[in-house]
Amino acid sequence: MDEPAISVYPNPAKEEVKIITPPNSEGNLIILNTLGQVVFSQDVQIQNRKTGIDTKEWANGLYVMLWHGVDGKIMSAKLMKN
């Protein structure tokens, strides 16, 4: 059985992106640019699985999302900003 992953849409993003974190999980969501700089970081609670993020001010390019669950699981996904 596959592990639940983080989901992102729309991808590529323009002005806003929605991120859905794994079910029944708490943790920290971090988004990094290609220079490794943190552009977004937020603690996520079980009841708030869907997170909306304003990306209007972000530079176009590739970003990496990291999920650090309190259970020790780490997941990643890519996000493209146009």
C-alpha atoms as a PDB file:
ATOM      1  CA  MET A   1       0.000   0.000   0.000  1.00  0.00           C
ATOM      2  CA  ASP A   2       1.397   3.383  -1.009  1.00  0.00           C
ATOM      3  CA  GLU A   3       2.033   6.053   1.595  1.00  0.00           C
ATOM      4  CA  PRO A   4      -0.200   9.126   1.330  1.00  0.00           C
ATOM      5  CA  ALA A   5       1.692  11.959  -0.306  1.00  0.00           C
ATOM      6  CA  ILE A   6       1.443  15.707  -0.372  1.00  0.00           C
ATOM      7  CA  SER A   7      -0.590  17.038  -3.299  1.00  0.00           C
ATOM      8  CA  VAL A   8      -0.344  20.417  -4.988  1.00  0.00           C
ATOM      9  CA  TYR A   9      -2.627  22.134  -7.490  1.00  0.00           C
ATOM     10  CA  PRO A  10      -2.622  23.881  -9.812  1.00  0.00           C
ATOM     11  CA  ASN A  11       0.854  22.903 -10.866  1.00  0.00           C
ATOM     12  CA  PRO A  12       2.249  24.942 -12.524  1.00  0.00           C
ATOM     13  CA  ALA A  13       0.923  27.771 -10.358  1.00  0.00           C
ATOM     14  CA  LYS A  14       0.393  31.427 -11.190  1.00  0.00           C
ATOM     15  CA  GLU A  15      -1.072  33.402  -8.263  1.00  0.00           C
ATOM     16  CA  GLU A  16      -2.087  30.796  -5.697  1.00  0.00           C
ATOM     17  CA  VAL A  17      -1.462  27.158  -4.956  1.00  0.00           C
ATOM     18  CA  LYS A  18      -3.359  24.691  -2.765  1.00  0.00           C
ATOM     19  CA  ILE A  19      -1.451  22.020  -0.909  1.00  0.00           C
ATOM     20  CA  ILE A  20      -3.041  18.970   0.680  1.00  0.00           C
ATOM     21  CA  THR A  21      -0.997  17.234   3.353  1.00  0.00           C
ATOM     22  CA  PRO A  22      -1.265  13.562   4.388  1.00  0.00           C
ATOM     23  CA  PRO A  23      -4.419  12.533   6.298  1.00  0.00           C
ATOM     24  CA  ASN A  24      -4.341  12.159  10.079  1.00  0.00           C
ATOM     25  CA  SER A  25      -0.942  13.764  10.255  1.00  0.00           C
ATOM     26  CA  GLU A  26       0.553  16.865  11.816  1.00  0.00           C
ATOM     27  CA  GLY A  27       3.821  18.402  10.745  1.00  0.00           C
ATOM     28  CA  ASN A  28       5.620  21.275   9.100  1.00  0.00           C
ATOM     29  CA  LEU A  29       5.313  22.273   5.452  1.00  0.00           C
ATOM     30  CA  ILE A  30       8.352  24.054   3.993  1.00  0.00           C
ATOM     31  CA  ILE A  31       8.808  25.390   0.461  1.00  0.00           C
ATOM     32  CA  LEU A  32      12.295  26.133  -0.849  1.00  0.00           C
ATOM     33  CA  ASN A  33      13.435  27.929  -3.986  1.00  0.00           C
ATOM     34  CA  THR A  34      16.272  26.586  -6.147  1.00  0.00           C
ATOM     35  CA  LEU A  35      18.812  28.459  -3.991  1.00  0.00           C
ATOM     36  CA  GLY A  36      17.630  26.535  -0.923  1.00  0.00           C
ATOM     37  CA  GLN A  37      15.996  29.604   0.611  1.00  0.00           C
ATOM     38  CA  VAL A  38      12.783  29.082   2.586  1.00  0.00           C
ATOM     39  CA  VAL A  39       9.949  30.995   0.880  1.00  0.00           C
ATOM     40  CA  PHE A  40       7.171  29.461   2.990  1.00  0.00           C
ATOM     41  CA  SER A  41       6.962  27.555   6.267  1.00  0.00           C
ATOM     42  CA  GLN A  42       3.885  26.603   8.271  1.00  0.00           C
ATOM     43  CA  ASP A  43       2.930  24.119  10.966  1.00  0.00           C
ATOM     44  CA  VAL A  44      -0.070  22.061   9.854  1.00  0.00           C
ATOM     45  CA  GLN A  45      -2.607  20.503  12.225  1.00  0.00           C
ATOM     46  CA  ILE A  46      -4.703  17.401  11.497  1.00  0.00           C
ATOM     47  CA  GLN A  47      -7.895  19.428  10.931  1.00  0.00           C
ATOM     48  CA  ASN A  48      -6.211  21.801   8.427  1.00  0.00           C
ATOM     49  CA  ARG A  49      -5.001  19.464   5.668  1.00  0.00           C
ATOM     50  CA  LYS A  50      -5.605  21.976   2.852  1.00  0.00           C
ATOM     51  CA  THR A  51      -3.342  25.034   2.799  1.00  0.00           C
ATOM     52  CA  GLY A  52      -3.725  27.933   0.341  1.00  0.00           C
ATOM     53  CA  ILE A  53      -0.549  29.865  -0.458  1.00  0.00           C
ATOM     54  CA  ASP A  54      -0.278  33.188  -2.299  1.00  0.00           C
ATOM     55  CA  THR A  55       2.504  32.839  -4.891  1.00  0.00           C
ATOM     56  CA  LYS A  56       2.043  36.179  -6.718  1.00  0.00           C
ATOM     57  CA  GLU A  57       5.284  37.631  -5.357  1.00  0.00           C
ATOM     58  CA  TRP A  58       7.384  34.532  -6.004  1.00  0.00           C
ATOM     59  CA  ALA A  59       9.829  34.458  -8.910  1.00  0.00           C
ATOM     60  CA  ASN A  60       9.017  32.094 -11.768  1.00  0.00           C
ATOM     61  CA  GLY A  61      10.794  28.781 -11.485  1.00  0.00           C
ATOM     62  CA  LEU A  62      10.984  25.476  -9.668  1.00  0.00           C
ATOM     63  CA  TYR A  63      10.271  25.060  -5.942  1.00  0.00           C
ATOM     64  CA  VAL A  64      10.553  22.047  -3.651  1.00  0.00           C
ATOM     65  CA  MET A  65       7.948  21.330  -0.975  1.00  0.00           C
ATOM     66  CA  LEU A  66       9.022  19.354   2.069  1.00  0.00           C
ATOM     67  CA  TRP A  67       6.685  17.772   4.584  1.00  0.00           C
ATOM     68  CA  HIS A  68       8.177  16.907   7.987  1.00  0.00           C
ATOM     69  CA  GLY A  69       5.568  14.913   9.888  1.00  0.00           C
ATOM     70  CA  VAL A  70       5.595  14.715  13.670  1.00  0.00           C
ATOM     71  CA  ASP A  71       5.662  10.936  13.123  1.00  0.00           C
ATOM     72  CA  GLY A  72       9.121  11.327  11.531  1.00  0.00           C
ATOM     73  CA  LYS A  73       7.997  10.876   7.915  1.00  0.00           C
ATOM     74  CA  ILE A  74       9.495  13.219   5.336  1.00  0.00           C
ATOM     75  CA  MET A  75       7.887  13.700   1.929  1.00  0.00           C
ATOM     76  CA  SER A  76       8.672  16.009  -0.961  1.00  0.00           C
ATOM     77  CA  ALA A  77       7.062  17.298  -4.128  1.00  0.00           C
ATOM     78  CA  LYS A  78       7.981  19.778  -6.844  1.00  0.00           C
ATOM     79  CA  LEU A  79       6.074  22.947  -7.659  1.00  0.00           C
ATOM     80  CA  MET A  80       6.501  25.059 -10.786  1.00  0.00           C
ATOM     81  CA  LYS A  81       5.628  28.791 -10.666  1.00  0.00           C
ATOM     82  CA  ASN A  82       4.856  30.503 -13.997  1.00  0.00           C
END
